[in-house]
Amino acid sequence: MSIKSGTAQKGSVLKLVLEYLDSFQDYDGEFVFTIKEMMQTLGLSSNQYSTAYKILNKAVEFGKVEKVNSRDYRIIKHTTPTSFQDMLKPELKIPLPFGIGYKCLLFPSDIILIYASYGQGKSYFAINIALFYLQKGLPVHYYYSECKENIAYRFAKLVDVEQMIEWEEQGKIRFIPITDPFMKPLAISKNSILIWDWADLTGRYDKVNKFIRKLQEGHRSLIFLFWQAKEEYGKLKPYGRESSLQRPAYGFEILYDGEDKKREYPILQFTKVRQSEYYTEGKEIYLKFEENGRLVHLEDCHHRGQLKEILRNEGEESEEEY
């Protein structure tokens, strides 16, 4: 914002106030201000309060400003209309991991939501997805909320450290700490993968939601969002509002069968399917954690009964070894 301050002449108050309001159209986020704050910025004197007050009220009438309460005003952003041609974005030719491949229709800046409660393996899922795309030559932007040493340790269990350093030096992977959910997204290259590991939305849903919306506006990246979830009425639901499941193209819940005491066989259950000839809500994909944390798709396991048989067979083998 570049507005000259200093004592303003009566005739220039209108011009200064309008410049002040226009300067926040490109501001990244919501902007709320008081008349006193505006006057201090513009260098207006107390005897010019009445003039500034009348101008602001006129701005409210013309839809430039919204009056929040007796003292606060909010800038109203003006959006640019989108052409139908611009809305016709091409389908993304990017496969999904875990044996899904090209069986789900994807578009630029689609969100894939994966949610689970504490200790269900969200970060290992996120790291496995990152490696899946790195090995296909796609750039990955990895936003993390846990301590960086823990993330590095988990990556090092799955892939050679020198390979990770090489990928980072080539700009194929970037690690960004989630320090502030209202931060500006980094410049993201076309057809890249963005992974947010993980979001606990307690008390800050609006800020995270704005950040995600900003990412989607670029129409450049496939977004994997790992959400912290909680149990409500016996069912797991992602924190936040109902729109948590409205925005994503596809939603998954991480589950474990009751007989899987060691939690070695995670299940990805579709909780939302936008468009697919192969999958519907409730469809389950069966996986296995190897000792180093790598996820393997159980290609020959197609329903819960087959998984229970695998678990029983493993249990019998363990008893024989004992």
Protein backbone atom coordinates (compact mmCIF):
# COMPACT_ATOMS: atom_id res chain seq x y z
CA MET A 1 0.00 0.00 0.00
CA SER A 2 1.46 3.34 -1.03
CA ILE A 3 -0.58 6.21 0.39
CA LYS A 4 0.96 9.53 1.27
CA SER A 5 0.38 10.50 4.87
CA GLY A 6 0.44 13.94 6.37
CA THR A 7 -2.16 16.60 7.14
CA ALA A 8 -4.71 16.52 4.34
CA GLN A 9 -6.62 19.51 2.98
CA LYS A 10 -10.39 19.31 3.13
CA GLY A 11 -10.74 18.85 -0.63
CA SER A 12 -8.29 15.92 -0.69
CA VAL A 13 -9.96 13.85 2.07
CA LEU A 14 -12.27 12.11 -0.44
CA LYS A 15 -9.37 11.22 -2.75
CA LEU A 16 -7.23 9.91 0.12
CA VAL A 17 -10.01 7.76 1.58
CA LEU A 18 -10.84 6.22 -1.82
CA GLU A 19 -7.15 5.48 -2.49
CA TYR A 20 -6.95 3.88 0.95
CA LEU A 21 -9.91 1.59 0.23
CA ASP A 22 -8.68 0.66 -3.28
CA SER A 23 -5.19 -0.18 -1.99
CA PHE A 24 -6.52 -3.28 -0.20
CA GLN A 25 -8.14 -4.95 -3.22
CA ASP A 26 -4.98 -7.05 -3.75
CA TYR A 27 -4.43 -7.64 -0.03
CA ASP A 28 -4.00 -11.37 0.69
CA GLY A 29 -6.71 -11.99 3.25
CA GLU A 30 -9.53 -10.21 5.01
CA PHE A 31 -8.92 -6.59 6.05
CA VAL A 32 -10.90 -4.95 8.87
CA PHE A 33 -10.15 -1.42 10.04
CA THR A 34 -11.55 1.40 12.16
CA ILE A 35 -12.00 5.07 11.18
CA LYS A 36 -9.34 6.00 13.74
CA GLU A 37 -6.79 3.61 12.16
CA MET A 38 -7.57 4.94 8.69
CA MET A 39 -7.24 8.55 9.81
CA GLN A 40 -3.88 7.88 11.48
CA THR A 41 -2.58 6.22 8.29
CA LEU A 42 -3.77 9.10 6.12
CA GLY A 43 -2.64 11.80 8.54
CA LEU A 44 -6.13 13.27 8.94
CA SER A 45 -6.81 15.57 11.87
CA SER A 46 -9.61 15.13 14.41
CA ASN A 47 -11.65 17.96 12.88
CA GLN A 48 -11.77 15.98 9.61
CA TYR A 49 -13.42 12.99 11.34
CA SER A 50 -16.93 14.03 10.26
CA THR A 51 -15.90 14.24 6.58
CA ALA A 52 -14.15 10.84 6.69
CA TYR A 53 -17.15 9.29 8.46
CA LYS A 54 -19.56 10.54 5.77
CA ILE A 55 -17.30 9.26 2.97
CA LEU A 56 -17.10 5.81 4.57
CA ASN A 57 -20.86 5.61 4.94
CA LYS A 58 -21.23 6.50 1.26
CA ALA A 59 -18.74 3.76 0.46
CA VAL A 60 -20.95 1.35 2.41
CA GLU A 61 -23.98 2.42 0.33
CA PHE A 62 -22.07 1.81 -2.92
CA GLY A 63 -20.88 -1.66 -1.83
CA LYS A 64 -17.21 -0.77 -1.49
CA VAL A 65 -17.06 -1.33 2.27
CA GLU A 66 -19.08 -3.39 4.74
CA LYS A 67 -19.88 -2.06 8.21
CA VAL A 68 -19.12 -4.88 10.66
CA ASN A 69 -20.22 -3.09 13.86
CA SER A 70 -20.28 0.44 15.34
CA ARG A 71 -16.50 0.87 14.95
CA ASP A 72 -15.19 -1.69 12.42
CA TYR A 73 -15.35 -1.71 8.62
CA ARG A 74 -14.40 -4.52 6.23
CA ILE A 75 -13.07 -4.13 2.69
CA ILE A 76 -15.31 -5.84 0.11
CA LYS A 77 -13.22 -7.64 -2.51
CA HIS A 78 -14.35 -7.42 -6.14
CA THR A 79 -13.94 -10.68 -8.05
CA THR A 80 -13.10 -10.97 -11.72
CA PRO A 81 -15.63 -12.97 -13.79
CA THR A 82 -14.32 -16.31 -15.07
CA SER A 83 -14.83 -17.21 -18.72
CA PHE A 84 -16.38 -20.56 -19.60
CA GLN A 85 -13.33 -21.35 -21.75
CA ASP A 86 -11.06 -20.79 -18.74
CA MET A 87 -13.26 -23.09 -16.67
CA LEU A 88 -12.77 -25.92 -19.17
CA LYS A 89 -9.49 -27.08 -17.69
CA PRO A 90 -8.02 -30.25 -19.22
CA GLU A 91 -8.09 -33.51 -17.31
CA LEU A 92 -4.91 -34.24 -15.35
CA LYS A 93 -2.93 -37.17 -16.71
CA ILE A 94 -1.62 -38.08 -13.26
CA PRO A 95 -2.31 -41.46 -11.62
CA LEU A 96 -3.32 -41.95 -8.00
CA PRO A 97 -1.24 -44.30 -5.81
CA PHE A 98 -2.21 -47.58 -4.10
CA GLY A 99 -3.34 -49.32 -7.29
CA ILE A 100 -5.98 -46.70 -8.17
CA GLY A 101 -4.02 -45.40 -11.17
CA TYR A 102 -6.13 -43.55 -13.74
CA LYS A 103 -9.47 -44.89 -12.54
CA CYS A 104 -10.50 -41.55 -10.99
CA LEU A 105 -11.07 -38.41 -13.06
CA LEU A 106 -8.76 -35.60 -11.90
CA PHE A 107 -8.49 -31.91 -12.77
CA PRO A 108 -5.81 -29.32 -11.93
CA SER A 109 -5.92 -28.26 -8.26
CA ASP A 110 -8.19 -31.12 -7.21
CA ILE A 111 -8.02 -32.03 -3.52
CA ILE A 112 -7.64 -35.59 -2.30
CA LEU A 113 -8.68 -35.68 1.36
CA ILE A 114 -7.29 -38.46 3.59
CA TYR A 115 -8.34 -38.36 7.23
CA ALA A 116 -7.82 -40.42 10.36
CA SER A 117 -7.59 -40.02 14.11
CA TYR A 118 -4.35 -39.86 16.10
CA GLY A 119 -1.76 -42.59 15.53
CA GLN A 120 -3.34 -44.12 12.42
CA GLY A 121 -0.31 -43.61 10.16
CA LYS A 122 -1.19 -40.36 8.36
CA SER A 123 2.43 -39.23 8.02
CA TYR A 124 3.59 -42.58 6.65
CA PHE A 125 0.77 -42.39 4.09
CA ALA A 126 1.87 -38.86 3.18
CA ILE A 127 5.53 -39.90 2.79
CA ASN A 128 4.61 -42.93 0.68
CA ILE A 129 2.54 -40.72 -1.62
CA ALA A 130 5.43 -38.24 -1.92
CA LEU A 131 7.83 -41.03 -2.92
CA PHE A 132 5.30 -42.48 -5.38
CA TYR A 133 5.27 -39.21 -7.34
CA LEU A 134 8.98 -38.44 -6.94
CA GLN A 135 9.77 -41.76 -8.56
CA LYS A 136 7.51 -40.78 -11.45
CA GLY A 137 9.48 -37.54 -11.94
CA LEU A 138 6.82 -35.15 -10.61
CA PRO A 139 7.84 -32.28 -8.28
CA VAL A 140 6.54 -32.50 -4.70
CA HIS A 141 5.89 -29.69 -2.20
CA TYR A 142 5.73 -31.26 1.27
CA TYR A 143 4.17 -29.14 4.03
CA TYR A 144 4.76 -30.75 7.44
CA SER A 145 3.52 -30.07 10.97
CA GLU A 146 5.62 -32.57 12.97
CA CYS A 147 9.25 -31.93 13.94
CA LYS A 148 11.56 -31.96 10.92
CA GLU A 149 13.83 -34.62 12.44
CA ASN A 150 10.92 -37.04 12.67
CA ILE A 151 9.94 -36.44 9.04
CA ALA A 152 13.56 -36.87 7.89
CA TYR A 153 13.89 -40.13 9.86
CA ARG A 154 10.77 -41.59 8.25
CA PHE A 155 11.88 -40.62 4.74
CA ALA A 156 15.33 -42.13 5.41
CA LYS A 157 13.70 -45.46 6.34
CA LEU A 158 12.03 -45.65 2.93
CA VAL A 159 14.58 -44.22 0.51
CA ASP A 160 18.36 -43.74 0.29
CA VAL A 161 19.48 -40.49 1.95
CA GLU A 162 21.72 -39.56 -1.00
CA GLN A 163 18.76 -39.96 -3.34
CA MET A 164 16.69 -37.59 -1.18
CA ILE A 165 19.48 -35.00 -1.16
CA GLU A 166 19.80 -35.30 -4.95
CA TRP A 167 16.05 -34.79 -5.43
CA GLU A 168 16.15 -31.73 -3.16
CA GLU A 169 19.15 -30.23 -4.99
CA GLN A 170 17.33 -30.74 -8.31
CA GLY A 171 14.29 -28.92 -6.91
CA LYS A 172 12.11 -32.01 -7.18
CA ILE A 173 11.06 -31.86 -3.52
CA ARG A 174 10.66 -28.93 -1.15
CA PHE A 175 9.98 -29.22 2.58
CA ILE A 176 7.93 -26.37 4.09
CA PRO A 177 7.01 -26.25 7.82
CA ILE A 178 3.40 -25.40 8.58
CA THR A 179 4.25 -22.46 10.83
CA ASP A 180 1.22 -20.32 10.09
CA PRO A 181 -1.93 -21.53 8.31
CA PHE A 182 -2.40 -18.02 6.94
CA MET A 183 0.99 -17.96 5.19
CA LYS A 184 1.26 -17.33 1.47
CA PRO A 185 1.70 -20.47 -0.66
CA LEU A 186 5.03 -20.85 -2.43
CA ALA A 187 5.25 -20.59 -6.21
CA ILE A 188 4.14 -24.01 -7.41
CA SER A 189 5.12 -25.48 -10.76
CA LYS A 190 2.57 -26.94 -13.16
CA ASN A 191 1.59 -30.61 -12.69
CA SER A 192 3.19 -30.78 -9.27
CA ILE A 193 2.03 -32.59 -6.14
CA LEU A 194 1.30 -30.72 -2.93
CA ILE A 195 1.07 -32.68 0.32
CA TRP A 196 -0.15 -31.12 3.58
CA ASP A 197 0.86 -33.40 6.48
CA TRP A 198 -1.32 -32.86 8.50
CA ALA A 199 -4.09 -30.39 9.46
CA ASP A 200 -5.72 -30.20 12.88
CA LEU A 201 -8.46 -27.66 12.27
CA THR A 202 -9.52 -27.08 15.85
CA GLY A 203 -10.20 -23.35 16.15
CA ARG A 204 -8.56 -22.31 12.87
CA TYR A 205 -10.67 -23.81 10.11
CA ASP A 206 -11.25 -20.45 8.36
CA LYS A 207 -7.54 -19.67 8.03
CA VAL A 208 -6.63 -23.10 6.68
CA ASN A 209 -9.62 -22.98 4.33
CA LYS A 210 -8.42 -19.66 2.88
CA PHE A 211 -4.94 -21.08 2.36
CA ILE A 212 -6.34 -24.10 0.49
CA ARG A 213 -8.56 -21.86 -1.64
CA LYS A 214 -5.49 -19.82 -2.56
CA LEU A 215 -3.71 -22.99 -3.65
CA GLN A 216 -6.64 -24.07 -5.80
CA GLU A 217 -6.85 -20.73 -7.58
CA GLY A 218 -3.64 -21.52 -9.48
CA HIS A 219 -5.10 -24.63 -11.18
CA ARG A 220 -1.62 -26.13 -11.18
CA SER A 221 -1.19 -28.77 -8.50
CA LEU A 222 -2.83 -31.96 -7.27
CA ILE A 223 -3.36 -31.45 -3.53
CA PHE A 224 -3.24 -34.23 -0.92
CA LEU A 225 -4.63 -32.93 2.35
CA PHE A 226 -4.23 -35.02 5.49
CA TRP A 227 -6.86 -34.08 8.05
CA GLN A 228 -7.04 -34.80 11.74
CA ALA A 229 -10.35 -36.48 12.52
CA LYS A 230 -12.54 -37.12 15.55
CA GLU A 231 -15.30 -39.55 16.38
CA GLU A 232 -18.89 -38.27 16.41
CA TYR A 233 -21.82 -40.59 17.15
CA GLY A 234 -19.66 -43.64 16.45
CA LYS A 235 -18.42 -42.32 13.10
CA LEU A 236 -15.10 -40.69 12.25
CA LYS A 237 -15.41 -37.19 10.79
CA PRO A 238 -12.75 -34.65 9.78
CA TYR A 239 -12.43 -31.60 12.02
CA GLY A 240 -14.01 -28.44 10.67
CA ARG A 241 -17.36 -27.86 9.05
CA GLU A 242 -19.38 -30.05 6.74
CA SER A 243 -17.59 -28.37 3.81
CA SER A 244 -14.52 -30.41 4.80
CA LEU A 245 -15.97 -33.13 2.57
CA GLN A 246 -17.58 -30.79 0.02
CA ARG A 247 -14.42 -29.24 -1.41
CA PRO A 248 -12.34 -32.39 -2.14
CA ALA A 249 -12.82 -34.41 -5.33
CA TYR A 250 -12.18 -37.66 -3.45
CA GLY A 251 -12.20 -38.47 0.25
CA PHE A 252 -10.62 -41.42 2.08
CA GLU A 253 -10.73 -42.61 5.66
CA ILE A 254 -7.86 -44.72 7.06
CA LEU A 255 -9.29 -47.78 8.81
CA TYR A 256 -8.03 -51.01 10.38
CA ASP A 257 -9.88 -54.29 10.71
CA GLY A 258 -10.75 -55.34 14.26
CA GLU A 259 -8.59 -58.47 13.90
CA ASP A 260 -5.54 -56.41 12.84
CA LYS A 261 -4.17 -55.91 16.35
CA LYS A 262 -0.73 -54.77 15.16
CA ARG A 263 -2.18 -52.33 12.60
CA GLU A 264 -0.10 -53.70 9.76
CA TYR A 265 -2.89 -53.74 7.15
CA PRO A 266 -4.41 -50.26 6.72
CA ILE A 267 -7.61 -49.91 4.72
CA LEU A 268 -8.39 -46.88 2.56
CA GLN A 269 -12.15 -46.48 2.36
CA PHE A 270 -13.67 -44.08 -0.18
CA THR A 271 -15.88 -41.59 1.67
CA LYS A 272 -16.39 -39.35 -1.35
CA VAL A 273 -16.20 -40.12 -5.08
CA ARG A 274 -16.75 -37.30 -7.55
CA GLN A 275 -16.45 -39.17 -10.82
CA SER A 276 -15.23 -42.70 -11.40
CA GLU A 277 -16.52 -45.71 -13.33
CA TYR A 278 -14.64 -48.04 -10.98
CA TYR A 279 -15.18 -46.73 -7.45
CA THR A 280 -18.14 -45.73 -5.28
CA GLU A 281 -18.39 -44.48 -1.70
CA GLY A 282 -17.68 -47.30 0.74
CA LYS A 283 -15.26 -49.11 -1.61
CA GLU A 284 -12.15 -50.30 0.27
CA ILE A 285 -8.53 -50.59 -0.86
CA TYR A 286 -6.35 -52.99 1.13
CA LEU A 287 -2.71 -52.20 1.88
CA LYS A 288 0.15 -53.53 3.97
CA PHE A 289 2.89 -51.75 5.93
CA GLU A 290 6.29 -53.35 5.37
CA GLU A 291 8.82 -53.24 8.23
CA ASN A 292 10.42 -50.01 6.98
CA GLY A 293 7.04 -48.27 6.67
CA ARG A 294 6.57 -48.67 2.90
CA LEU A 295 2.97 -49.25 1.86
CA VAL A 296 2.25 -52.14 -0.50
CA HIS A 297 -1.04 -52.56 -2.36
CA LEU A 298 -2.58 -56.02 -1.80
CA GLU A 299 -3.61 -56.58 -5.40
CA ASP A 300 -5.21 -59.98 -4.74
CA CYS A 301 -7.27 -58.75 -1.77
CA HIS A 302 -10.66 -57.47 -2.93
CA HIS A 303 -12.93 -57.64 0.12
CA ARG A 304 -12.82 -57.69 3.91
CA GLY A 305 -13.26 -61.49 4.08
CA GLN A 306 -10.01 -62.03 2.16
CA LEU A 307 -8.21 -59.62 4.50
CA LYS A 308 -9.45 -61.51 7.56
CA GLU A 309 -8.15 -64.74 6.02
CA ILE A 310 -4.70 -63.14 5.54
CA LEU A 311 -4.73 -61.97 9.16
CA ARG A 312 -5.73 -65.43 10.44
CA ASN A 313 -3.02 -67.12 8.36
CA GLU A 314 -0.39 -64.72 9.68
CA GLY A 315 -1.59 -65.35 13.22
CA GLU A 316 -1.22 -69.12 12.76
CA GLU A 317 2.30 -68.68 11.31
CA SER A 318 3.29 -66.53 14.31
CA GLU A 319 2.04 -69.21 16.72
CA GLU A 320 4.05 -71.91 14.89
CA GLU A 321 7.21 -69.82 15.11
CA TYR A 322 6.61 -69.25 18.82
